[in-house]
Amino acid sequence: MSVSVSDVKGSISIFQNFTDDEINQQLTLANQQALNDGLIDDLLIAGTIQYARHLLYVDWAMSYGGVQSASTLGNSQTNFNLLMSNDPYLLQYNATVASFGNGSNMGAVWTE
C-alpha cells in the first residue's frame, strides 16, 4: 500500500501546516486501523487516507483547546461535540467500513 503525505494533505487547508513526520505517524496508525476493519485493495488506500485525516482533524481541533461552549452575536452553544458528531473524515471512514469492511467493533455469532 502506498499512501503519500500529499494524498492526505490534498488541498485541505487545515492539513497544510502538519509536518511530514506528523502525517506519516498518523498514516501508520490509520493503515493499521483500516486493515483491522477489513478494508482491502483500493478501499484500504481510501480508508487509510480517511482515517489519517480524522486523526489529523482531531489534532487540529485540539490545538484550539477543545472548546466546550461558544457565543456569537447572541447565539450560544454549550457542550457541543465537534469531534464525534461533526467529524466529516470519521463519518466518511465509518461509511466506508460499514459498506466494504467488517469493522473491528463488530462481534461474531455462531450457532450449531
C-alpha atoms as a PDB file:
ATOM      1  CA  MET A   1       0.000   0.000   0.000  1.00  0.00           C
ATOM      2  CA  SER A   2       1.357   3.373  -0.904  1.00  0.00           C
ATOM      3  CA  VAL A   3      -0.292   6.470   0.535  1.00  0.00           C
ATOM      4  CA  SER A   4       1.752   9.655   0.482  1.00  0.00           C
ATOM      5  CA  VAL A   5       1.726  12.735   2.654  1.00  0.00           C
ATOM      6  CA  SER A   6       0.374  14.722  -0.291  1.00  0.00           C
ATOM      7  CA  ASP A   7      -2.521  12.221  -0.621  1.00  0.00           C
ATOM      8  CA  VAL A   8      -3.536  13.047   2.940  1.00  0.00           C
ATOM      9  CA  LYS A   9      -2.992  16.798   2.681  1.00  0.00           C
ATOM     10  CA  GLY A  10      -4.729  17.168  -0.668  1.00  0.00           C
ATOM     11  CA  SER A  11      -5.956  20.736  -0.967  1.00  0.00           C
ATOM     12  CA  ILE A  12      -7.433  20.781   2.538  1.00  0.00           C
ATOM     13  CA  SER A  13      -6.123  23.919   4.200  1.00  0.00           C
ATOM     14  CA  ILE A  14      -6.208  22.656   7.811  1.00  0.00           C
ATOM     15  CA  PHE A  15      -3.708  19.884   6.965  1.00  0.00           C
ATOM     16  CA  GLN A  16      -1.122  22.009   5.163  1.00  0.00           C
ATOM     17  CA  ASN A  17       0.807  23.022   8.312  1.00  0.00           C
ATOM     18  CA  PHE A  18       1.316  19.484   9.589  1.00  0.00           C
ATOM     19  CA  THR A  19       4.851  18.180   9.102  1.00  0.00           C
ATOM     20  CA  ASP A  20       5.554  15.119   7.000  1.00  0.00           C
ATOM     21  CA  ASP A  21       6.620  13.271  10.175  1.00  0.00           C
ATOM     22  CA  GLU A  22       3.312  14.064  11.895  1.00  0.00           C
ATOM     23  CA  ILE A  23       1.333  12.868   8.896  1.00  0.00           C
ATOM     24  CA  ASN A  24       3.431   9.727   8.445  1.00  0.00           C
ATOM     25  CA  GLN A  25       2.895   8.841  12.095  1.00  0.00           C
ATOM     26  CA  GLN A  26      -0.874   9.119  11.665  1.00  0.00           C
ATOM     27  CA  LEU A  27      -0.701   7.215   8.364  1.00  0.00           C
ATOM     28  CA  THR A  28       0.863   4.252  10.163  1.00  0.00           C
ATOM     29  CA  LEU A  29      -1.946   4.201  12.724  1.00  0.00           C
ATOM     30  CA  ALA A  30      -4.605   4.760  10.069  1.00  0.00           C
ATOM     31  CA  ASN A  31      -3.327   1.910   7.923  1.00  0.00           C
ATOM     32  CA  GLN A  32      -3.441  -0.472  10.879  1.00  0.00           C
ATOM     33  CA  GLN A  33      -6.997   0.623  11.699  1.00  0.00           C
ATOM     34  CA  ALA A  34      -8.147   0.141   8.092  1.00  0.00           C
ATOM     35  CA  LEU A  35      -6.527  -3.304   7.933  1.00  0.00           C
ATOM     36  CA  ASN A  36      -8.126  -4.241  11.252  1.00  0.00           C
ATOM     37  CA  ASP A  37     -11.511  -3.124   9.917  1.00  0.00           C
ATOM     38  CA  GLY A  38     -11.178  -5.456   6.944  1.00  0.00           C
ATOM     39  CA  LEU A  39     -10.638  -2.975   4.132  1.00  0.00           C
ATOM     40  CA  ILE A  40      -8.667  -4.311   1.174  1.00  0.00           C
ATOM     41  CA  ASP A  41      -7.204  -3.142  -2.133  1.00  0.00           C
ATOM     42  CA  ASP A  42      -8.318   0.330  -3.275  1.00  0.00           C
ATOM     43  CA  LEU A  43     -10.613   0.653  -0.282  1.00  0.00           C
ATOM     44  CA  LEU A  44      -7.648   0.108   2.030  1.00  0.00           C
ATOM     45  CA  ILE A  45      -5.996   3.139   0.453  1.00  0.00           C
ATOM     46  CA  ALA A  46      -9.177   5.247   0.676  1.00  0.00           C
ATOM     47  CA  GLY A  47      -9.828   4.150   4.258  1.00  0.00           C
ATOM     48  CA  THR A  48      -6.247   4.874   5.299  1.00  0.00           C
ATOM     49  CA  ILE A  49      -6.493   8.403   3.891  1.00  0.00           C
ATOM     50  CA  GLN A  50      -9.896   8.971   5.518  1.00  0.00           C
ATOM     51  CA  TYR A  51      -8.773   7.732   8.939  1.00  0.00           C
ATOM     52  CA  ALA A  52      -5.456   9.620   8.790  1.00  0.00           C
ATOM     53  CA  ARG A  53      -7.429  12.780   8.042  1.00  0.00           C
ATOM     54  CA  HIS A  54      -9.680  12.013  11.024  1.00  0.00           C
ATOM     55  CA  LEU A  55      -6.655  11.704  13.315  1.00  0.00           C
ATOM     56  CA  LEU A  56      -5.188  14.945  11.987  1.00  0.00           C
ATOM     57  CA  TYR A  57      -8.578  16.654  12.294  1.00  0.00           C
ATOM     58  CA  VAL A  58      -8.644  15.711  15.985  1.00  0.00           C
ATOM     59  CA  ASP A  59      -5.117  17.093  16.410  1.00  0.00           C
ATOM     60  CA  TRP A  60      -6.111  20.289  14.592  1.00  0.00           C
ATOM     61  CA  ALA A  61      -9.283  20.746  16.671  1.00  0.00           C
ATOM     62  CA  MET A  62      -7.482  20.063  19.937  1.00  0.00           C
ATOM     63  CA  SER A  63      -4.866  22.683  19.091  1.00  0.00           C
ATOM     64  CA  TYR A  64      -7.635  25.194  19.800  1.00  0.00           C
ATOM     65  CA  GLY A  65      -8.101  23.840  23.304  1.00  0.00           C
ATOM     66  CA  GLY A  66     -11.226  21.716  22.868  1.00  0.00           C
ATOM     67  CA  VAL A  67     -13.889  24.449  23.055  1.00  0.00           C
ATOM     68  CA  GLN A  68     -16.877  23.450  25.211  1.00  0.00           C
ATOM     69  CA  SER A  69     -19.055  26.499  24.643  1.00  0.00           C
ATOM     70  CA  ALA A  70     -19.209  29.486  22.335  1.00  0.00           C
ATOM     71  CA  SER A  71     -21.301  32.598  21.854  1.00  0.00           C
ATOM     72  CA  THR A  72     -21.502  34.845  18.808  1.00  0.00           C
ATOM     73  CA  LEU A  73     -23.957  37.650  18.107  1.00  0.00           C
ATOM     74  CA  GLY A  74     -26.424  36.429  20.708  1.00  0.00           C
ATOM     75  CA  ASN A  75     -26.284  32.798  19.588  1.00  0.00           C
ATOM     76  CA  SER A  76     -24.654  30.410  22.010  1.00  0.00           C
ATOM     77  CA  GLN A  77     -23.901  26.719  22.130  1.00  0.00           C
ATOM     78  CA  THR A  78     -22.658  24.698  25.073  1.00  0.00           C
ATOM     79  CA  ASN A  79     -21.197  21.223  25.257  1.00  0.00           C
ATOM     80  CA  PHE A  80     -21.299  20.708  21.519  1.00  0.00           C
ATOM     81  CA  ASN A  81     -19.274  17.766  20.317  1.00  0.00           C
ATOM     82  CA  LEU A  82     -17.269  18.871  17.302  1.00  0.00           C
ATOM     83  CA  LEU A  83     -15.176  15.741  17.097  1.00  0.00           C
ATOM     84  CA  MET A  84     -17.739  12.978  17.447  1.00  0.00           C
ATOM     85  CA  SER A  85     -20.773  14.107  15.503  1.00  0.00           C
ATOM     86  CA  ASN A  86     -19.286  16.590  13.047  1.00  0.00           C
ATOM     87  CA  ASP A  87     -16.001  14.995  12.001  1.00  0.00           C
ATOM     88  CA  PRO A  88     -16.512  14.562   8.241  1.00  0.00           C
ATOM     89  CA  TYR A  89     -13.448  12.320   7.913  1.00  0.00           C
ATOM     90  CA  LEU A  90     -14.581   9.895  10.615  1.00  0.00           C
ATOM     91  CA  LEU A  91     -18.120   9.835   9.202  1.00  0.00           C
ATOM     92  CA  GLN A  92     -16.703   9.066   5.754  1.00  0.00           C
ATOM     93  CA  TYR A  93     -14.415   6.350   7.151  1.00  0.00           C
ATOM     94  CA  ASN A  94     -17.231   4.728   9.123  1.00  0.00           C
ATOM     95  CA  ALA A  95     -19.415   4.676   5.998  1.00  0.00           C
ATOM     96  CA  THR A  96     -16.595   3.003   4.034  1.00  0.00           C
ATOM     97  CA  VAL A  97     -16.121   0.355   6.723  1.00  0.00           C
ATOM     98  CA  ALA A  98     -19.875  -0.220   7.014  1.00  0.00           C
ATOM     99  CA  SER A  99     -20.140  -0.791   3.261  1.00  0.00           C
ATOM    100  CA  PHE A 100     -16.915  -2.645   2.496  1.00  0.00           C
ATOM    101  CA  GLY A 101     -15.206  -3.793   5.690  1.00  0.00           C
ATOM    102  CA  ASN A 102     -16.040  -5.862   8.707  1.00  0.00           C
ATOM    103  CA  GLY A 103     -15.484  -3.282  11.464  1.00  0.00           C
ATOM    104  CA  SER A 104     -13.258  -4.115  14.405  1.00  0.00           C
ATOM    105  CA  ASN A 105     -16.012  -3.402  16.904  1.00  0.00           C
ATOM    106  CA  MET A 106     -18.408  -5.948  15.471  1.00  0.00           C
ATOM    107  CA  GLY A 107     -18.790  -9.349  17.102  1.00  0.00           C
ATOM    108  CA  ALA A 108     -19.424 -12.718  15.543  1.00  0.00           C
ATOM    109  CA  VAL A 109     -22.140 -15.226  16.342  1.00  0.00           C
ATOM    110  CA  TRP A 110     -22.077 -18.940  15.632  1.00  0.00           C
ATOM    111  CA  THR A 111     -24.937 -21.397  16.002  1.00  0.00           C
ATOM    112  CA  GLU A 112     -24.998 -25.139  15.805  1.00  0.00           C
END
